[in-house]
Amino acid sequence: MNQKCIELLEKAKNNPRGLRFTELRRLCGCIGMIEDRRGGSHFIYKRERPFFLLSIQKMKDGKAKAYQLRQRIDFIEEHNLDNPDKKE
């Protein structure tokens, strides 16, 4: 994870209700997730190893939903993906 991604992750941890939806999508890319498909307002992101699949939606004010962001942060921490020295 590069420095910009680490800074974005810290921003998300410090204020999960204040993160923009575009920043959540960027955070998905930071941990190697790809947009698998889109269905209406739902964006489906997946990662193969370790497998993770999550649907995210944008709120009316353009922010990310806090519970979806929390799921992403928990996944990152559980699999130690925030370690800049970890090679995938």
N, C-alpha and C. Protein backbone atom coordinates (compact mmCIF):
# COMPACT_ATOMS: atom_id res chain seq x y z
N MET A 1 0.85 -1.17 0.00
CA MET A 1 0.00 0.00 0.00
C MET A 1 0.90 1.23 0.00
N ASN A 2 0.68 2.13 -0.93
CA ASN A 2 1.53 3.31 -1.02
C ASN A 2 1.11 4.37 0.01
N GLN A 3 1.88 5.44 0.10
CA GLN A 3 1.67 6.45 1.13
C GLN A 3 0.31 7.15 0.99
N LYS A 4 -0.11 7.44 -0.24
CA LYS A 4 -1.42 8.09 -0.44
C LYS A 4 -2.55 7.19 0.03
N CYS A 5 -2.42 5.90 -0.20
CA CYS A 5 -3.44 4.96 0.25
C CYS A 5 -3.46 4.86 1.77
N ILE A 6 -2.30 4.88 2.37
CA ILE A 6 -2.22 4.84 3.84
C ILE A 6 -2.87 6.08 4.43
N GLU A 7 -2.62 7.24 3.83
CA GLU A 7 -3.24 8.48 4.30
C GLU A 7 -4.76 8.43 4.15
N LEU A 8 -5.24 7.87 3.06
CA LEU A 8 -6.68 7.73 2.83
C LEU A 8 -7.29 6.79 3.86
N LEU A 9 -6.59 5.70 4.16
CA LEU A 9 -7.07 4.76 5.17
C LEU A 9 -7.15 5.43 6.54
N GLU A 10 -6.16 6.22 6.88
CA GLU A 10 -6.18 6.94 8.16
C GLU A 10 -7.34 7.93 8.21
N LYS A 11 -7.59 8.61 7.12
CA LYS A 11 -8.72 9.54 7.04
C LYS A 11 -10.02 8.78 7.27
N ALA A 12 -10.14 7.61 6.67
CA ALA A 12 -11.35 6.80 6.81
C ALA A 12 -11.53 6.33 8.26
N LYS A 13 -10.44 5.93 8.90
CA LYS A 13 -10.52 5.48 10.29
C LYS A 13 -10.92 6.62 11.22
N ASN A 14 -10.38 7.81 10.97
CA ASN A 14 -10.63 8.95 11.85
C ASN A 14 -12.03 9.54 11.68
N ASN A 15 -12.61 9.43 10.50
CA ASN A 15 -13.92 10.02 10.26
C ASN A 15 -14.69 9.20 9.23
N PRO A 16 -15.20 8.02 9.61
CA PRO A 16 -15.88 7.16 8.64
C PRO A 16 -17.12 7.79 8.02
N ARG A 17 -17.76 8.69 8.72
CA ARG A 17 -18.97 9.32 8.17
C ARG A 17 -18.64 10.47 7.22
N GLY A 18 -17.38 10.88 7.18
CA GLY A 18 -17.00 12.02 6.36
C GLY A 18 -16.32 11.67 5.06
N LEU A 19 -16.15 10.38 4.79
CA LEU A 19 -15.43 9.97 3.57
C LEU A 19 -16.36 10.04 2.36
N ARG A 20 -15.87 10.61 1.29
CA ARG A 20 -16.65 10.66 0.05
C ARG A 20 -16.68 9.27 -0.60
N PHE A 21 -17.72 9.04 -1.38
CA PHE A 21 -17.88 7.77 -2.06
C PHE A 21 -16.72 7.51 -3.02
N THR A 22 -16.27 8.55 -3.70
CA THR A 22 -15.13 8.38 -4.63
C THR A 22 -13.88 7.96 -3.87
N GLU A 23 -13.72 8.43 -2.64
CA GLU A 23 -12.57 8.02 -1.83
C GLU A 23 -12.68 6.56 -1.41
N LEU A 24 -13.90 6.10 -1.12
CA LEU A 24 -14.10 4.69 -0.80
C LEU A 24 -13.75 3.83 -2.01
N ARG A 25 -14.14 4.26 -3.19
CA ARG A 25 -13.80 3.51 -4.40
C ARG A 25 -12.29 3.48 -4.61
N ARG A 26 -11.62 4.60 -4.33
CA ARG A 26 -10.16 4.66 -4.45
C ARG A 26 -9.51 3.71 -3.44
N LEU A 27 -10.07 3.65 -2.23
CA LEU A 27 -9.55 2.75 -1.20
C LEU A 27 -9.68 1.30 -1.64
N CYS A 28 -10.74 0.97 -2.34
CA CYS A 28 -10.91 -0.39 -2.89
C CYS A 28 -9.75 -0.71 -3.83
N GLY A 29 -9.41 0.22 -4.69
CA GLY A 29 -8.29 0.01 -5.62
C GLY A 29 -6.96 -0.11 -4.90
N CYS A 30 -6.82 0.59 -3.80
CA CYS A 30 -5.57 0.55 -3.03
C CYS A 30 -5.26 -0.85 -2.50
N ILE A 31 -6.30 -1.62 -2.23
CA ILE A 31 -6.07 -2.97 -1.68
C ILE A 31 -6.27 -4.06 -2.72
N GLY A 32 -6.27 -3.67 -4.00
CA GLY A 32 -6.31 -4.65 -5.07
C GLY A 32 -7.70 -5.14 -5.42
N MET A 33 -8.73 -4.41 -5.02
CA MET A 33 -10.09 -4.81 -5.39
C MET A 33 -10.41 -4.19 -6.75
N ILE A 34 -11.22 -4.90 -7.50
CA ILE A 34 -11.64 -4.39 -8.80
C ILE A 34 -13.17 -4.30 -8.81
N GLU A 35 -13.66 -3.37 -9.62
CA GLU A 35 -15.11 -3.28 -9.78
C GLU A 35 -15.54 -4.45 -10.64
N ASP A 36 -16.30 -5.34 -10.06
CA ASP A 36 -16.74 -6.55 -10.75
C ASP A 36 -17.94 -6.27 -11.64
N ARG A 37 -18.89 -5.52 -11.10
CA ARG A 37 -20.07 -5.17 -11.87
C ARG A 37 -20.80 -4.03 -11.16
N ARG A 38 -21.74 -3.47 -11.90
CA ARG A 38 -22.53 -2.37 -11.36
C ARG A 38 -23.99 -2.68 -11.67
N GLY A 39 -24.82 -2.55 -10.66
CA GLY A 39 -26.25 -2.78 -10.85
C GLY A 39 -27.03 -1.62 -10.27
N GLY A 40 -27.44 -0.70 -11.12
CA GLY A 40 -28.14 0.49 -10.64
C GLY A 40 -27.23 1.33 -9.78
N SER A 41 -27.61 1.51 -8.52
CA SER A 41 -26.79 2.32 -7.61
C SER A 41 -25.75 1.48 -6.86
N HIS A 42 -25.73 0.18 -7.08
CA HIS A 42 -24.82 -0.72 -6.38
C HIS A 42 -23.55 -0.96 -7.20
N PHE A 43 -22.42 -0.78 -6.56
CA PHE A 43 -21.13 -1.09 -7.15
C PHE A 43 -20.60 -2.32 -6.43
N ILE A 44 -20.30 -3.36 -7.17
CA ILE A 44 -19.82 -4.61 -6.58
C ILE A 44 -18.31 -4.69 -6.80
N TYR A 45 -17.56 -4.76 -5.70
CA TYR A 45 -16.11 -4.88 -5.76
C TYR A 45 -15.72 -6.25 -5.24
N LYS A 46 -14.66 -6.80 -5.85
CA LYS A 46 -14.19 -8.10 -5.35
C LYS A 46 -12.67 -8.14 -5.37
N ARG A 47 -12.19 -9.04 -4.58
CA ARG A 47 -10.76 -9.33 -4.49
C ARG A 47 -10.63 -10.84 -4.44
N GLU A 48 -9.67 -11.39 -5.15
CA GLU A 48 -9.53 -12.85 -5.23
C GLU A 48 -8.82 -13.45 -4.02
N ARG A 49 -7.65 -12.91 -3.68
CA ARG A 49 -6.85 -13.51 -2.59
C ARG A 49 -6.41 -12.46 -1.61
N PRO A 50 -6.87 -12.48 -0.40
CA PRO A 50 -7.98 -13.29 0.11
C PRO A 50 -9.30 -12.80 -0.48
N PHE A 51 -10.21 -13.75 -0.66
CA PHE A 51 -11.47 -13.42 -1.32
C PHE A 51 -12.29 -12.47 -0.47
N PHE A 52 -12.84 -11.46 -1.12
CA PHE A 52 -13.72 -10.51 -0.44
C PHE A 52 -14.63 -9.91 -1.50
N LEU A 53 -15.91 -9.86 -1.20
CA LEU A 53 -16.90 -9.31 -2.11
C LEU A 53 -17.77 -8.35 -1.31
N LEU A 54 -17.97 -7.15 -1.84
CA LEU A 54 -18.77 -6.16 -1.13
C LEU A 54 -19.51 -5.27 -2.11
N SER A 55 -20.76 -5.02 -1.80
CA SER A 55 -21.58 -4.08 -2.55
C SER A 55 -21.54 -2.75 -1.82
N ILE A 56 -21.30 -1.68 -2.55
CA ILE A 56 -21.30 -0.35 -1.94
C ILE A 56 -22.26 0.56 -2.70
N GLN A 57 -22.84 1.52 -1.98
CA GLN A 57 -23.75 2.48 -2.58
C GLN A 57 -23.38 3.87 -2.08
N LYS A 58 -23.66 4.85 -2.93
CA LYS A 58 -23.41 6.24 -2.57
C LYS A 58 -24.66 6.80 -1.89
N MET A 59 -24.45 7.58 -0.82
CA MET A 59 -25.57 8.26 -0.19
C MET A 59 -25.92 9.50 -1.02
N LYS A 60 -27.06 10.08 -0.76
CA LYS A 60 -27.53 11.22 -1.55
C LYS A 60 -26.59 12.41 -1.48
N ASP A 61 -25.86 12.55 -0.37
CA ASP A 61 -24.94 13.68 -0.22
C ASP A 61 -23.56 13.41 -0.82
N GLY A 62 -23.39 12.25 -1.48
CA GLY A 62 -22.12 11.92 -2.12
C GLY A 62 -21.12 11.24 -1.21
N LYS A 63 -21.52 10.97 0.02
CA LYS A 63 -20.63 10.32 0.99
C LYS A 63 -20.77 8.81 0.90
N ALA A 64 -19.78 8.14 1.45
CA ALA A 64 -19.82 6.68 1.56
C ALA A 64 -20.64 6.31 2.79
N LYS A 65 -21.27 5.16 2.75
CA LYS A 65 -22.00 4.67 3.92
C LYS A 65 -21.00 4.19 4.95
N ALA A 66 -21.15 4.66 6.18
CA ALA A 66 -20.17 4.39 7.23
C ALA A 66 -20.03 2.90 7.52
N TYR A 67 -21.13 2.14 7.52
CA TYR A 67 -21.02 0.72 7.83
C TYR A 67 -20.26 -0.03 6.73
N GLN A 68 -20.41 0.40 5.48
CA GLN A 68 -19.67 -0.25 4.39
C GLN A 68 -18.19 0.09 4.49
N LEU A 69 -17.90 1.30 4.87
CA LEU A 69 -16.51 1.70 5.06
C LEU A 69 -15.89 0.92 6.21
N ARG A 70 -16.64 0.73 7.28
CA ARG A 70 -16.14 -0.03 8.44
C ARG A 70 -15.84 -1.47 8.03
N GLN A 71 -16.68 -2.07 7.18
CA GLN A 71 -16.43 -3.43 6.68
C GLN A 71 -15.10 -3.47 5.93
N ARG A 72 -14.85 -2.46 5.12
CA ARG A 72 -13.61 -2.41 4.33
C ARG A 72 -12.41 -2.26 5.26
N ILE A 73 -12.50 -1.37 6.24
CA ILE A 73 -11.39 -1.17 7.18
C ILE A 73 -11.11 -2.43 7.97
N ASP A 74 -12.16 -3.11 8.43
CA ASP A 74 -11.98 -4.37 9.16
C ASP A 74 -11.27 -5.41 8.31
N PHE A 75 -11.63 -5.51 7.03
CA PHE A 75 -11.00 -6.45 6.12
C PHE A 75 -9.52 -6.12 5.95
N ILE A 76 -9.22 -4.84 5.76
CA ILE A 76 -7.82 -4.41 5.58
C ILE A 76 -6.99 -4.76 6.80
N GLU A 77 -7.52 -4.48 7.98
CA GLU A 77 -6.77 -4.75 9.21
C GLU A 77 -6.66 -6.25 9.48
N GLU A 78 -7.73 -6.99 9.22
CA GLU A 78 -7.72 -8.44 9.47
C GLU A 78 -6.66 -9.15 8.62
N HIS A 79 -6.47 -8.68 7.40
CA HIS A 79 -5.53 -9.33 6.49
C HIS A 79 -4.21 -8.57 6.36
N ASN A 80 -4.00 -7.60 7.25
CA ASN A 80 -2.75 -6.85 7.31
C ASN A 80 -2.38 -6.20 5.97
N LEU A 81 -3.39 -5.71 5.26
CA LEU A 81 -3.15 -5.10 3.96
C LEU A 81 -2.65 -3.67 4.06
N ASP A 82 -2.66 -3.11 5.26
CA ASP A 82 -2.20 -1.74 5.45
C ASP A 82 -0.71 -1.68 5.75
N ASN A 83 -0.05 -2.81 5.76
CA ASN A 83 1.39 -2.88 6.03
C ASN A 83 2.15 -2.55 4.74
N PRO A 84 2.85 -1.41 4.70
CA PRO A 84 3.53 -1.04 3.45
C PRO A 84 4.65 -1.99 3.05
N ASP A 85 5.14 -2.79 3.99
CA ASP A 85 6.22 -3.74 3.68
C ASP A 85 5.72 -5.06 3.17
N LYS A 86 4.42 -5.32 3.27
CA LYS A 86 3.86 -6.60 2.84
C LYS A 86 3.86 -6.68 1.32
N LYS A 87 4.36 -7.74 0.81
CA LYS A 87 4.36 -8.00 -0.65
C LYS A 87 3.24 -8.98 -0.95
N GLU A 88 2.41 -8.63 -1.93
CA GLU A 88 1.29 -9.51 -2.29
C GLU A 88 1.63 -10.33 -3.51
